[in-house]
């Protein structure tokens, strides 16, 4: 008797959840839910083989899609401007659970360069570009969006800094607080021949003409891919 009663409750529960499911579905126009902008900060990767490009939580401005209640004010126009620039205007699908967590940098980069306050080696005196001995790594949503929302959602970017293209530095995934951080990063392909810590300056130029110059001081170690 108890088993029969339990089965009846289970059937009612399933029917109730099925009735509610269509109401919970939410069709969205844009693939990216939230863009994040603010002053950039460099944080060392644990083994000092590189650094993350991030934005501190207290400095983050979150620009949310008009598909959300939070996106209607006060950044609606800013969001639509970014979405138009990125080609993200015709997603028109139901939002899954990942959509609600999806964040990307508001800025698209057109140029990244790194210099040190000390000579790295004989070929890289203090103040000269280190792009040929650095590796840029990130995950981009752009190829998925620009292909009409087909293929892999994420595209892994892993190229020497002096060879990275503007198209490889747009709609970059931004997950600073998850257990496995997913942020743009720069790795050292060669350790410096000079001793002691280096103060590195990353110059970020965006496609909108903004320039940032965050710095970091650490003792660089060689990254082995």
N, C-alpha and C. Protein backbone atom coordinates (compact mmCIF):
# COMPACT_ATOMS: atom_id res chain seq x y z
N UNK A 1 0.83 -1.20 0.00
CA UNK A 1 0.00 0.00 0.00
C UNK A 1 0.87 1.26 0.00
N UNK A 2 1.90 1.24 0.85
CA UNK A 2 2.82 2.38 0.90
C UNK A 2 3.51 2.59 -0.43
N UNK A 3 3.86 1.46 -1.10
CA UNK A 3 4.54 1.55 -2.38
C UNK A 3 3.62 2.19 -3.43
N UNK A 4 2.34 1.79 -3.41
CA UNK A 4 1.38 2.37 -4.35
C UNK A 4 1.22 3.86 -4.12
N UNK A 5 1.15 4.25 -2.86
CA UNK A 5 1.01 5.67 -2.53
C UNK A 5 2.23 6.45 -3.01
N UNK A 6 3.43 5.84 -2.82
CA UNK A 6 4.67 6.49 -3.25
C UNK A 6 4.69 6.70 -4.76
N UNK A 7 4.27 5.67 -5.50
CA UNK A 7 4.25 5.77 -6.96
C UNK A 7 3.28 6.85 -7.42
N UNK A 8 2.15 6.96 -6.75
CA UNK A 8 1.18 7.99 -7.11
C UNK A 8 1.77 9.38 -6.89
N UNK A 9 2.46 9.55 -5.77
CA UNK A 9 3.10 10.84 -5.50
C UNK A 9 4.15 11.15 -6.55
N UNK A 10 4.91 10.12 -6.97
CA UNK A 10 5.96 10.31 -7.96
C UNK A 10 5.35 10.75 -9.29
N UNK A 11 4.28 10.11 -9.70
CA UNK A 11 3.63 10.46 -10.97
C UNK A 11 3.11 11.90 -10.92
N UNK A 12 2.48 12.27 -9.82
CA UNK A 12 1.95 13.63 -9.68
C UNK A 12 3.09 14.64 -9.73
N UNK A 13 4.21 14.29 -9.07
CA UNK A 13 5.37 15.20 -9.05
C UNK A 13 5.92 15.40 -10.44
N UNK A 14 6.07 14.31 -11.20
CA UNK A 14 6.59 14.41 -12.57
C UNK A 14 5.65 15.22 -13.44
N UNK A 15 4.34 14.96 -13.33
CA UNK A 15 3.37 15.70 -14.14
C UNK A 15 3.40 17.18 -13.82
N UNK A 16 3.55 17.49 -12.54
CA UNK A 16 3.60 18.90 -12.12
C UNK A 16 4.83 19.59 -12.67
N UNK A 17 5.98 18.88 -12.61
CA UNK A 17 7.22 19.48 -13.12
C UNK A 17 7.15 19.66 -14.62
N UNK A 18 6.51 18.72 -15.31
CA UNK A 18 6.38 18.85 -16.77
C UNK A 18 5.49 20.03 -17.12
N UNK A 19 4.45 20.24 -16.32
CA UNK A 19 3.57 21.38 -16.58
C UNK A 19 4.30 22.70 -16.41
N UNK A 20 5.26 22.75 -15.48
CA UNK A 20 5.95 23.99 -15.18
C UNK A 20 7.12 24.26 -16.13
N UNK A 21 7.65 23.20 -16.74
CA UNK A 21 8.88 23.34 -17.52
C UNK A 21 8.78 24.40 -18.62
N UNK A 22 7.73 24.44 -19.43
CA UNK A 22 7.68 25.46 -20.48
C UNK A 22 7.72 26.88 -19.94
N UNK A 23 7.18 27.08 -18.71
CA UNK A 23 7.20 28.42 -18.14
C UNK A 23 8.61 28.83 -17.75
N UNK A 24 9.49 27.86 -17.44
CA UNK A 24 10.84 28.16 -17.02
C UNK A 24 11.77 28.38 -18.21
N UNK A 25 11.38 27.91 -19.38
CA UNK A 25 12.21 28.10 -20.55
C UNK A 25 12.20 29.56 -20.96
N UNK A 26 13.38 30.04 -21.35
CA UNK A 26 13.51 31.47 -21.64
C UNK A 26 14.32 31.61 -22.93
N UNK A 27 13.71 32.09 -23.99
CA UNK A 27 14.43 32.26 -25.25
C UNK A 27 15.20 33.57 -25.21
N UNK A 28 16.47 33.51 -25.64
CA UNK A 28 17.34 34.68 -25.56
C UNK A 28 17.89 35.01 -26.94
N UNK A 29 18.12 36.27 -27.14
CA UNK A 29 18.59 36.77 -28.43
C UNK A 29 20.11 36.71 -28.55
N UNK A 30 20.79 36.75 -27.39
CA UNK A 30 22.24 36.85 -27.37
C UNK A 30 22.87 35.64 -26.68
N UNK A 31 24.00 35.19 -27.21
CA UNK A 31 24.70 34.03 -26.66
C UNK A 31 25.43 34.40 -25.36
N UNK A 32 26.04 35.56 -25.30
CA UNK A 32 26.76 36.00 -24.11
C UNK A 32 25.79 36.70 -23.17
N UNK A 33 25.70 36.24 -21.95
CA UNK A 33 24.78 36.86 -20.99
C UNK A 33 25.38 38.12 -20.37
N UNK A 34 26.67 38.06 -20.02
CA UNK A 34 27.27 39.16 -19.27
C UNK A 34 28.65 39.50 -19.82
N UNK A 35 28.89 40.77 -20.05
CA UNK A 35 30.23 41.28 -20.36
C UNK A 35 30.77 41.98 -19.12
N UNK A 36 32.07 41.82 -18.91
CA UNK A 36 32.71 42.39 -17.72
C UNK A 36 33.80 43.36 -18.16
N UNK A 37 33.82 44.54 -17.56
CA UNK A 37 34.88 45.49 -17.84
C UNK A 37 35.34 46.16 -16.56
N UNK A 38 36.51 46.80 -16.64
CA UNK A 38 37.10 47.46 -15.48
C UNK A 38 38.60 47.50 -15.65
N UNK A 39 39.32 48.11 -14.71
CA UNK A 39 40.79 48.17 -14.81
C UNK A 39 41.41 46.79 -14.66
N UNK A 40 42.37 46.50 -15.51
CA UNK A 40 42.98 45.16 -15.50
C UNK A 40 44.06 45.06 -14.42
N UNK A 41 44.20 43.85 -13.93
CA UNK A 41 45.21 43.53 -12.92
C UNK A 41 45.89 42.24 -13.34
N UNK A 42 47.18 42.14 -13.05
CA UNK A 42 47.94 40.93 -13.35
C UNK A 42 48.16 40.15 -12.05
N UNK A 43 47.89 38.86 -12.09
CA UNK A 43 48.09 38.01 -10.92
C UNK A 43 48.97 36.84 -11.30
N UNK A 44 49.96 36.51 -10.46
CA UNK A 44 50.90 35.44 -10.81
C UNK A 44 50.22 34.08 -10.82
N UNK A 45 50.58 33.26 -11.78
CA UNK A 45 50.19 31.85 -11.75
C UNK A 45 51.06 31.18 -10.69
N UNK A 46 50.51 30.19 -9.99
CA UNK A 46 51.15 29.65 -8.79
C UNK A 46 52.61 29.29 -8.95
N UNK A 47 52.99 28.70 -10.08
CA UNK A 47 54.38 28.27 -10.26
C UNK A 47 55.25 29.36 -10.86
N UNK A 48 54.71 30.57 -11.00
CA UNK A 48 55.44 31.73 -11.53
C UNK A 48 55.91 31.53 -12.97
N UNK A 49 55.23 30.67 -13.71
CA UNK A 49 55.56 30.50 -15.13
C UNK A 49 54.74 31.44 -16.02
N UNK A 50 54.04 32.36 -15.39
CA UNK A 50 53.24 33.31 -16.15
C UNK A 50 52.31 34.08 -15.24
N UNK A 51 51.35 34.77 -15.85
CA UNK A 51 50.40 35.55 -15.05
C UNK A 51 49.05 35.59 -15.74
N UNK A 52 48.01 35.77 -14.91
CA UNK A 52 46.64 35.92 -15.37
C UNK A 52 46.35 37.40 -15.68
N UNK A 53 45.48 37.63 -16.64
CA UNK A 53 44.94 38.96 -16.90
C UNK A 53 43.52 38.97 -16.34
N UNK A 54 43.29 39.74 -15.29
CA UNK A 54 42.00 39.68 -14.62
C UNK A 54 41.52 41.08 -14.24
N UNK A 55 40.36 41.12 -13.61
CA UNK A 55 39.79 42.35 -13.05
C UNK A 55 39.33 42.00 -11.64
N UNK A 56 39.77 42.78 -10.66
CA UNK A 56 39.37 42.50 -9.29
C UNK A 56 37.86 42.59 -9.14
N UNK A 57 37.33 41.76 -8.25
CA UNK A 57 35.88 41.72 -8.06
C UNK A 57 35.31 43.09 -7.73
N UNK A 58 36.00 43.84 -6.89
CA UNK A 58 35.48 45.15 -6.48
C UNK A 58 35.46 46.16 -7.62
N UNK A 59 36.24 45.88 -8.67
CA UNK A 59 36.34 46.81 -9.80
C UNK A 59 35.51 46.37 -11.01
N UNK A 60 34.87 45.22 -10.93
CA UNK A 60 34.16 44.69 -12.09
C UNK A 60 32.83 45.40 -12.33
N UNK A 61 32.65 45.83 -13.55
CA UNK A 61 31.36 46.35 -13.99
C UNK A 61 30.73 45.29 -14.87
N UNK A 62 29.57 44.79 -14.48
CA UNK A 62 28.91 43.72 -15.22
C UNK A 62 27.81 44.30 -16.10
N UNK A 63 27.94 44.07 -17.38
CA UNK A 63 27.00 44.59 -18.38
C UNK A 63 26.18 43.41 -18.87
N UNK A 64 24.93 43.34 -18.44
CA UNK A 64 24.13 42.15 -18.68
C UNK A 64 23.16 42.33 -19.84
N UNK A 65 22.87 41.20 -20.46
CA UNK A 65 22.01 41.17 -21.63
C UNK A 65 20.60 41.71 -21.32
N UNK A 66 19.99 42.40 -22.27
CA UNK A 66 18.58 42.79 -22.11
C UNK A 66 17.66 41.58 -21.98
N UNK A 67 18.18 40.38 -22.27
CA UNK A 67 17.41 39.16 -22.08
C UNK A 67 17.17 38.87 -20.60
N UNK A 68 17.88 39.59 -19.72
CA UNK A 68 17.69 39.43 -18.28
C UNK A 68 17.06 40.70 -17.72
N UNK A 69 16.42 40.58 -16.57
CA UNK A 69 15.83 41.75 -15.93
C UNK A 69 16.91 42.77 -15.57
N UNK A 70 18.10 42.25 -15.16
CA UNK A 70 19.18 43.14 -14.76
C UNK A 70 19.76 43.90 -15.94
N UNK A 71 19.52 43.40 -17.17
CA UNK A 71 20.11 44.02 -18.34
C UNK A 71 19.36 45.21 -18.89
N UNK A 72 18.21 45.49 -18.34
CA UNK A 72 17.42 46.58 -18.89
C UNK A 72 17.92 47.95 -18.46
N UNK A 73 18.63 48.00 -17.35
CA UNK A 73 19.09 49.30 -16.84
C UNK A 73 20.31 49.06 -15.97
N UNK A 74 21.37 49.89 -15.98
CA UNK A 74 21.51 51.09 -16.80
C UNK A 74 22.42 50.90 -18.01
N UNK A 75 22.79 49.62 -18.32
CA UNK A 75 23.80 49.38 -19.34
C UNK A 75 23.25 48.79 -20.63
N UNK A 76 21.97 48.95 -20.87
CA UNK A 76 21.35 48.33 -22.04
C UNK A 76 22.05 48.73 -23.34
N UNK A 77 22.25 50.02 -23.55
CA UNK A 77 22.86 50.48 -24.79
C UNK A 77 24.30 50.02 -24.92
N UNK A 78 25.01 50.00 -23.81
CA UNK A 78 26.40 49.53 -23.83
C UNK A 78 26.44 48.05 -24.21
N UNK A 79 25.55 47.26 -23.64
CA UNK A 79 25.51 45.84 -23.99
C UNK A 79 25.23 45.66 -25.48
N UNK A 80 24.23 46.33 -25.98
CA UNK A 80 23.85 46.17 -27.39
C UNK A 80 24.98 46.60 -28.32
N UNK A 81 25.73 47.62 -27.93
CA UNK A 81 26.87 48.06 -28.72
C UNK A 81 27.93 46.97 -28.79
N UNK A 82 28.22 46.33 -27.66
CA UNK A 82 29.23 45.27 -27.62
C UNK A 82 28.75 44.06 -28.42
N UNK A 83 27.48 43.69 -28.23
CA UNK A 83 26.93 42.53 -28.94
C UNK A 83 26.97 42.75 -30.44
N UNK A 84 26.63 43.94 -30.90
CA UNK A 84 26.68 44.26 -32.33
C UNK A 84 28.11 44.15 -32.85
N UNK A 85 29.05 44.68 -32.12
CA UNK A 85 30.46 44.61 -32.52
C UNK A 85 30.93 43.15 -32.64
N UNK A 86 30.45 42.30 -31.74
CA UNK A 86 30.88 40.90 -31.71
C UNK A 86 30.05 40.00 -32.62
N UNK A 87 29.02 40.54 -33.26
CA UNK A 87 28.18 39.73 -34.13
C UNK A 87 27.22 38.83 -33.40
N UNK A 88 26.98 39.11 -32.12
CA UNK A 88 26.13 38.26 -31.29
C UNK A 88 24.74 38.87 -31.17
N UNK A 89 23.95 38.72 -32.23
CA UNK A 89 22.63 39.35 -32.25
C UNK A 89 21.50 38.41 -32.66
N UNK A 90 21.82 37.17 -33.04
CA UNK A 90 20.78 36.29 -33.57
C UNK A 90 20.88 34.88 -33.00
N UNK A 91 21.16 34.77 -31.71
CA UNK A 91 21.25 33.45 -31.09
C UNK A 91 19.87 32.79 -31.07
N UNK A 92 18.90 33.47 -30.52
CA UNK A 92 17.49 33.06 -30.58
C UNK A 92 17.26 31.59 -30.23
N UNK A 93 17.77 31.23 -29.06
CA UNK A 93 17.59 29.86 -28.56
C UNK A 93 17.20 29.94 -27.08
N UNK A 94 16.72 28.80 -26.58
CA UNK A 94 16.37 28.77 -25.18
C UNK A 94 17.64 28.73 -24.33
N UNK A 95 17.64 29.48 -23.26
CA UNK A 95 18.80 29.54 -22.38
C UNK A 95 18.91 28.25 -21.57
N UNK A 96 20.10 27.64 -21.59
CA UNK A 96 20.35 26.51 -20.71
C UNK A 96 21.05 27.03 -19.45
N UNK A 97 21.39 26.12 -18.54
CA UNK A 97 21.97 26.57 -17.27
C UNK A 97 23.31 27.24 -17.48
N UNK A 98 24.07 26.86 -18.54
CA UNK A 98 25.35 27.49 -18.78
C UNK A 98 25.21 28.95 -19.20
N UNK A 99 24.10 29.28 -19.86
CA UNK A 99 23.90 30.64 -20.33
C UNK A 99 23.90 31.62 -19.16
N UNK A 100 23.31 31.23 -18.05
CA UNK A 100 23.21 32.12 -16.91
C UNK A 100 24.56 32.39 -16.25
N UNK A 101 25.54 31.53 -16.50
CA UNK A 101 26.88 31.71 -15.92
C UNK A 101 27.89 32.27 -16.92
N UNK A 102 27.49 32.47 -18.16
CA UNK A 102 28.45 32.80 -19.22
C UNK A 102 28.85 34.28 -19.16
N UNK A 103 30.17 34.50 -19.02
CA UNK A 103 30.71 35.86 -18.97
C UNK A 103 31.90 35.97 -19.91
N UNK A 104 32.07 37.13 -20.50
CA UNK A 104 33.21 37.39 -21.38
C UNK A 104 33.70 38.81 -21.11
N UNK A 105 34.94 39.06 -21.47
CA UNK A 105 35.46 40.41 -21.35
C UNK A 105 34.74 41.34 -22.31
N UNK A 106 34.41 42.53 -21.84
CA UNK A 106 33.77 43.52 -22.71
C UNK A 106 34.75 44.04 -23.76
N UNK A 107 36.02 44.11 -23.40
CA UNK A 107 37.04 44.60 -24.32
C UNK A 107 37.50 43.50 -25.26
N UNK A 108 37.66 43.85 -26.53
CA UNK A 108 38.43 43.03 -27.47
C UNK A 108 39.79 43.69 -27.61
N UNK A 109 40.83 42.89 -27.58
CA UNK A 109 42.19 43.44 -27.66
C UNK A 109 42.65 43.47 -29.12
N UNK A 110 43.42 44.49 -29.45
CA UNK A 110 44.05 44.50 -30.77
C UNK A 110 45.57 44.39 -30.67
N UNK A 111 46.13 44.66 -29.47
CA UNK A 111 47.58 44.57 -29.31
C UNK A 111 47.91 44.32 -27.84
N UNK A 112 48.82 43.37 -27.61
CA UNK A 112 49.37 43.11 -26.28
C UNK A 112 50.88 43.11 -26.39
N UNK A 113 51.54 43.80 -25.48
CA UNK A 113 53.00 43.78 -25.46
C UNK A 113 53.47 43.78 -24.02
N UNK A 114 54.61 43.12 -23.78
CA UNK A 114 55.16 42.99 -22.43
C UNK A 114 56.61 43.44 -22.43
N UNK A 115 56.98 44.23 -21.44
CA UNK A 115 58.37 44.64 -21.24
C UNK A 115 58.76 44.39 -19.79
N UNK A 116 60.06 44.34 -19.53
CA UNK A 116 60.58 44.16 -18.18
C UNK A 116 61.48 45.33 -17.80
N UNK A 117 61.58 45.57 -16.50
CA UNK A 117 62.47 46.64 -16.03
C UNK A 117 63.92 46.20 -16.00
N UNK A 118 64.16 44.89 -16.26
CA UNK A 118 65.51 44.35 -16.30
C UNK A 118 65.74 43.63 -17.61
N UNK A 119 67.01 43.47 -17.96
CA UNK A 119 67.33 42.66 -19.14
C UNK A 119 66.91 41.23 -18.88
N UNK A 120 66.24 40.64 -19.87
CA UNK A 120 65.83 39.24 -19.75
C UNK A 120 67.00 38.33 -20.12
N UNK A 121 67.66 38.69 -21.21
CA UNK A 121 68.87 38.02 -21.68
C UNK A 121 69.56 38.99 -22.63
N UNK A 122 70.60 38.53 -23.30
CA UNK A 122 71.36 39.43 -24.17
C UNK A 122 70.53 39.94 -25.35
N UNK A 123 69.52 39.17 -25.75
CA UNK A 123 68.68 39.59 -26.88
C UNK A 123 67.49 40.44 -26.47
N UNK A 124 67.28 40.56 -25.17
CA UNK A 124 66.12 41.31 -24.68
C UNK A 124 66.54 42.25 -23.55
N UNK A 125 67.14 43.39 -23.91
CA UNK A 125 67.51 44.37 -22.89
C UNK A 125 66.28 44.91 -22.17
N UNK A 126 66.51 45.56 -21.05
CA UNK A 126 65.41 46.14 -20.29
C UNK A 126 64.59 47.08 -21.17
N UNK A 127 63.27 46.97 -21.09
CA UNK A 127 62.38 47.86 -21.82
C UNK A 127 62.03 47.43 -23.22
N UNK A 128 62.63 46.35 -23.71
CA UNK A 128 62.31 45.87 -25.05
C UNK A 128 61.21 44.82 -25.00
N UNK A 129 60.51 44.65 -26.11
CA UNK A 129 59.41 43.70 -26.16
C UNK A 129 59.85 42.26 -25.97
N UNK A 130 59.01 41.50 -25.26
CA UNK A 130 59.32 40.09 -24.97
C UNK A 130 58.39 39.14 -25.72
N UNK A 131 57.70 39.64 -26.73
CA UNK A 131 56.66 38.86 -27.39
C UNK A 131 57.11 37.55 -27.97
N UNK A 132 58.37 37.44 -28.39
CA UNK A 132 58.85 36.21 -29.03
C UNK A 132 59.17 35.11 -28.03
N UNK A 133 59.19 35.44 -26.74
CA UNK A 133 59.47 34.40 -25.73
C UNK A 133 58.30 34.24 -24.76
N UNK A 134 57.13 34.74 -25.17
CA UNK A 134 55.93 34.63 -24.35
C UNK A 134 54.82 33.92 -25.13
N UNK A 135 53.95 33.27 -24.39
CA UNK A 135 52.83 32.53 -24.99
C UNK A 135 51.52 33.11 -24.48
N UNK A 136 50.62 33.44 -25.40
CA UNK A 136 49.29 33.93 -25.03
C UNK A 136 48.31 32.76 -25.06
N UNK A 137 47.56 32.59 -23.97
CA UNK A 137 46.59 31.51 -23.87
C UNK A 137 45.25 32.07 -23.40
N UNK A 138 44.18 31.61 -24.03
CA UNK A 138 42.84 32.05 -23.65
C UNK A 138 41.83 31.14 -24.33
N UNK A 139 40.56 31.31 -23.95
CA UNK A 139 39.46 30.66 -24.64
C UNK A 139 38.55 31.74 -25.20
N UNK A 140 38.20 31.59 -26.46
CA UNK A 140 37.39 32.60 -27.15
C UNK A 140 36.05 32.01 -27.58
N UNK A 141 35.01 32.82 -27.46
CA UNK A 141 33.69 32.45 -27.97
C UNK A 141 33.47 32.94 -29.39
N UNK A 142 34.38 33.77 -29.89
CA UNK A 142 34.15 34.45 -31.16
C UNK A 142 33.96 33.51 -32.35
N UNK A 143 34.81 32.48 -32.54
CA UNK A 143 34.59 31.61 -33.71
C UNK A 143 33.20 30.95 -33.71
N UNK A 144 32.72 30.58 -32.53
CA UNK A 144 31.38 29.97 -32.44
C UNK A 144 30.32 30.97 -32.85
N UNK A 145 30.41 32.18 -32.34
CA UNK A 145 29.42 33.21 -32.66
C UNK A 145 29.46 33.55 -34.14
N UNK A 146 30.66 33.76 -34.68
CA UNK A 146 30.78 34.22 -36.07
C UNK A 146 30.52 33.12 -37.09
N UNK A 147 30.47 31.87 -36.62
CA UNK A 147 30.12 30.77 -37.52
C UNK A 147 28.62 30.52 -37.53
N UNK A 148 27.86 31.43 -36.95
CA UNK A 148 26.41 31.24 -36.88
C UNK A 148 25.99 30.34 -35.75
N UNK A 149 26.78 30.32 -34.68
CA UNK A 149 26.51 29.52 -33.49
C UNK A 149 26.54 28.03 -33.82
N UNK A 150 27.60 27.63 -34.51
CA UNK A 150 27.78 26.20 -34.81
C UNK A 150 29.21 25.79 -34.47
N UNK A 151 29.39 24.49 -34.22
CA UNK A 151 30.71 23.98 -33.87
C UNK A 151 30.94 24.04 -32.37
N UNK A 152 32.20 24.06 -31.97
CA UNK A 152 32.56 24.10 -30.56
C UNK A 152 32.29 25.48 -29.97
N UNK A 153 31.72 25.49 -28.79
CA UNK A 153 31.45 26.76 -28.12
C UNK A 153 32.75 27.48 -27.79
N UNK A 154 33.72 26.73 -27.28
CA UNK A 154 35.01 27.31 -26.91
C UNK A 154 36.04 27.05 -27.99
N UNK A 155 36.88 28.03 -28.27
CA UNK A 155 38.07 27.83 -29.09
C UNK A 155 39.29 28.18 -28.25
N UNK A 156 40.18 27.21 -28.10
CA UNK A 156 41.38 27.47 -27.32
C UNK A 156 42.40 28.23 -28.16
N UNK A 157 42.91 29.32 -27.60
CA UNK A 157 43.94 30.12 -28.24
C UNK A 157 45.24 29.87 -27.50
N UNK A 158 46.28 29.47 -28.21
CA UNK A 158 47.59 29.24 -27.59
C UNK A 158 48.65 29.53 -28.65
N UNK A 159 49.12 30.77 -28.69
CA UNK A 159 50.05 31.21 -29.73
C UNK A 159 51.10 32.13 -29.12
N UNK A 160 52.30 32.20 -29.72
CA UNK A 160 53.30 33.17 -29.25
C UNK A 160 52.70 34.57 -29.25
N UNK A 161 53.06 35.34 -28.25
CA UNK A 161 52.44 36.66 -28.10
C UNK A 161 52.69 37.55 -29.32
N UNK A 162 53.84 37.41 -29.94
CA UNK A 162 54.14 38.27 -31.09
C UNK A 162 53.44 37.80 -32.37
N UNK A 163 52.71 36.69 -32.31
CA UNK A 163 51.97 36.19 -33.47
C UNK A 163 50.46 36.22 -33.27
N UNK A 164 50.01 36.59 -32.08
CA UNK A 164 48.57 36.57 -31.84
C UNK A 164 47.89 37.65 -32.67
N UNK A 165 46.74 37.32 -33.23
CA UNK A 165 46.03 38.25 -34.09
C UNK A 165 44.86 38.89 -33.34
N UNK A 166 44.37 39.97 -33.90
CA UNK A 166 43.23 40.67 -33.29
C UNK A 166 42.02 39.75 -33.19
N UNK A 167 41.81 38.93 -34.22
CA UNK A 167 40.68 38.02 -34.22
C UNK A 167 40.76 36.94 -33.15
N UNK A 168 41.97 36.67 -32.64
CA UNK A 168 42.13 35.68 -31.58
C UNK A 168 41.99 36.28 -30.19
N UNK A 169 41.75 37.59 -30.13
CA UNK A 169 41.66 38.26 -28.83
C UNK A 169 40.32 38.95 -28.64
N UNK A 170 39.26 38.34 -29.19
CA UNK A 170 37.94 38.92 -29.02
C UNK A 170 36.99 37.92 -28.38
N UNK A 171 36.04 38.45 -27.64
CA UNK A 171 35.04 37.68 -26.88
C UNK A 171 35.73 36.59 -26.06
N UNK A 172 36.65 37.02 -25.20
CA UNK A 172 37.44 36.10 -24.39
C UNK A 172 36.67 35.69 -23.13
N UNK A 173 36.68 34.40 -22.86
CA UNK A 173 35.98 33.87 -21.69
C UNK A 173 36.58 34.47 -20.41
N UNK A 174 35.71 34.75 -19.44
CA UNK A 174 36.14 35.35 -18.18
C UNK A 174 35.50 34.60 -17.03
N UNK A 175 36.27 33.69 -16.41
CA UNK A 175 35.81 32.93 -15.25
C UNK A 175 36.87 33.03 -14.17
N UNK A 176 36.87 34.12 -13.39
CA UNK A 176 37.94 34.33 -12.41
C UNK A 176 37.75 33.61 -11.10
N UNK A 177 36.53 33.20 -10.79
CA UNK A 177 36.25 32.73 -9.44
C UNK A 177 35.98 31.23 -9.35
N UNK A 178 35.99 30.53 -10.47
CA UNK A 178 35.73 29.10 -10.44
C UNK A 178 36.98 28.35 -9.97
N UNK A 179 36.79 27.08 -9.59
CA UNK A 179 37.92 26.27 -9.12
C UNK A 179 39.01 26.19 -10.19
N UNK A 180 38.60 25.98 -11.43
CA UNK A 180 39.54 26.00 -12.55
C UNK A 180 39.39 27.34 -13.26
N UNK A 181 40.27 28.28 -12.94
CA UNK A 181 40.15 29.62 -13.48
C UNK A 181 40.30 29.59 -15.00
N UNK A 182 39.48 30.37 -15.66
CA UNK A 182 39.56 30.46 -17.11
C UNK A 182 39.64 31.94 -17.46
N UNK A 183 40.87 32.42 -17.57
CA UNK A 183 41.16 33.82 -17.86
C UNK A 183 42.24 33.88 -18.92
N UNK A 184 42.33 34.98 -19.65
CA UNK A 184 43.50 35.15 -20.52
C UNK A 184 44.76 35.09 -19.67
N UNK A 185 45.80 34.49 -20.22
CA UNK A 185 47.05 34.36 -19.47
C UNK A 185 48.24 34.48 -20.41
N UNK A 186 49.37 34.84 -19.83
CA UNK A 186 50.61 34.91 -20.58
C UNK A 186 51.65 34.08 -19.86
N UNK A 187 52.32 33.19 -20.61
CA UNK A 187 53.31 32.28 -20.05
C UNK A 187 54.71 32.61 -20.57
N UNK A 188 55.70 32.32 -19.72
CA UNK A 188 57.10 32.56 -20.09
C UNK A 188 57.69 31.30 -20.72
N UNK A 189 58.05 31.37 -22.00
CA UNK A 189 58.63 30.21 -22.67
C UNK A 189 60.10 30.04 -22.33
N UNK A 190 60.69 31.06 -21.74
CA UNK A 190 62.10 31.00 -21.36
C UNK A 190 62.28 31.79 -20.07
N UNK A 191 63.04 31.22 -19.12
CA UNK A 191 63.33 31.95 -17.89
C UNK A 191 64.41 32.99 -18.17
N UNK A 192 64.41 34.09 -17.43
CA UNK A 192 65.45 35.10 -17.65
C UNK A 192 66.81 34.61 -17.20
N UNK A 193 67.85 35.10 -17.85
CA UNK A 193 69.21 34.74 -17.44
C UNK A 193 69.69 35.62 -16.30
N UNK A 194 68.99 36.69 -16.03
CA UNK A 194 69.33 37.59 -14.93
C UNK A 194 68.63 37.13 -13.66
N UNK A 195 69.26 37.39 -12.52
CA UNK A 195 68.71 36.95 -11.24
C UNK A 195 67.77 38.00 -10.66
N UNK A 196 66.99 37.54 -9.69
CA UNK A 196 66.12 38.45 -8.98
C UNK A 196 64.78 38.63 -9.64
N UNK A 197 63.87 39.33 -8.96
CA UNK A 197 62.53 39.56 -9.52
C UNK A 197 62.54 40.56 -10.66
N UNK A 198 61.57 40.42 -11.54
CA UNK A 198 61.36 41.34 -12.65
C UNK A 198 60.02 42.03 -12.46
N UNK A 199 59.99 43.31 -12.75
CA UNK A 199 58.72 44.03 -12.81
C UNK A 199 58.32 44.14 -14.28
N UNK A 200 57.22 43.46 -14.61
CA UNK A 200 56.75 43.40 -15.99
C UNK A 200 55.57 44.34 -16.19
N UNK A 201 55.56 44.98 -17.34
CA UNK A 201 54.44 45.85 -17.72
C UNK A 201 53.76 45.28 -18.96
N UNK A 202 52.47 45.03 -18.83
CA UNK A 202 51.67 44.58 -19.97
C UNK A 202 50.92 45.79 -20.52
N UNK A 203 51.15 46.11 -21.78
CA UNK A 203 50.40 47.18 -22.43
C UNK A 203 49.27 46.54 -23.24
N UNK A 204 48.05 46.89 -22.86
CA UNK A 204 46.85 46.37 -23.52
C UNK A 204 46.23 47.51 -24.34
N UNK A 205 46.08 47.27 -25.63
CA UNK A 205 45.37 48.23 -26.48
C UNK A 205 44.11 47.55 -26.99
N UNK A 206 42.97 48.18 -26.78
CA UNK A 206 41.70 47.58 -27.19
C UNK A 206 41.29 48.08 -28.57
N UNK A 207 40.32 47.40 -29.15
CA UNK A 207 39.83 47.80 -30.47
C UNK A 207 39.09 49.13 -30.42
N UNK A 208 38.71 49.57 -29.21
CA UNK A 208 38.05 50.86 -29.06
C UNK A 208 39.04 51.97 -28.76
N UNK A 209 40.34 51.64 -28.77
CA UNK A 209 41.37 52.65 -28.58
C UNK A 209 41.78 52.91 -27.14
N UNK A 210 41.25 52.12 -26.21
CA UNK A 210 41.65 52.29 -24.81
C UNK A 210 42.99 51.60 -24.56
N UNK A 211 43.76 52.14 -23.63
CA UNK A 211 45.06 51.57 -23.29
C UNK A 211 45.15 51.36 -21.78
N UNK A 212 45.62 50.18 -21.40
CA UNK A 212 45.85 49.84 -19.99
C UNK A 212 47.30 49.39 -19.85
N UNK A 213 47.90 49.67 -18.67
CA UNK A 213 49.29 49.25 -18.44
C UNK A 213 49.44 48.68 -17.03
N UNK A 214 48.84 47.54 -16.76
CA UNK A 214 49.03 46.91 -15.45
C UNK A 214 50.44 46.32 -15.33
N UNK A 215 50.93 46.19 -14.10
CA UNK A 215 52.27 45.66 -13.86
C UNK A 215 52.21 44.51 -12.86
N UNK A 216 53.28 43.76 -12.82
CA UNK A 216 53.41 42.65 -11.86
C UNK A 216 54.89 42.43 -11.58
N UNK A 217 55.23 42.10 -10.34
CA UNK A 217 56.61 41.80 -9.97
C UNK A 217 56.68 40.35 -9.50
N UNK A 218 57.57 39.58 -10.09
CA UNK A 218 57.73 38.17 -9.74
C UNK A 218 59.08 37.66 -10.25
N UNK A 219 59.43 36.45 -9.84
CA UNK A 219 60.63 35.78 -10.34
C UNK A 219 60.20 34.77 -11.40
N UNK A 220 60.31 35.11 -12.67
CA UNK A 220 59.76 34.25 -13.73
C UNK A 220 60.46 32.90 -13.83
N UNK A 221 59.67 31.87 -14.07
CA UNK A 221 60.16 30.52 -14.33
C UNK A 221 59.67 30.10 -15.71
N UNK A 222 60.40 29.19 -16.34
CA UNK A 222 60.04 28.75 -17.67
C UNK A 222 58.81 27.84 -17.65
N UNK A 223 57.91 28.09 -18.57
CA UNK A 223 56.72 27.27 -18.74
C UNK A 223 56.99 26.17 -19.75
N UNK A 224 56.63 24.95 -19.40
CA UNK A 224 56.79 23.82 -20.32
C UNK A 224 55.40 23.39 -20.77
N UNK A 225 55.02 23.68 -22.02
CA UNK A 225 53.67 23.36 -22.51
C UNK A 225 53.38 21.87 -22.43
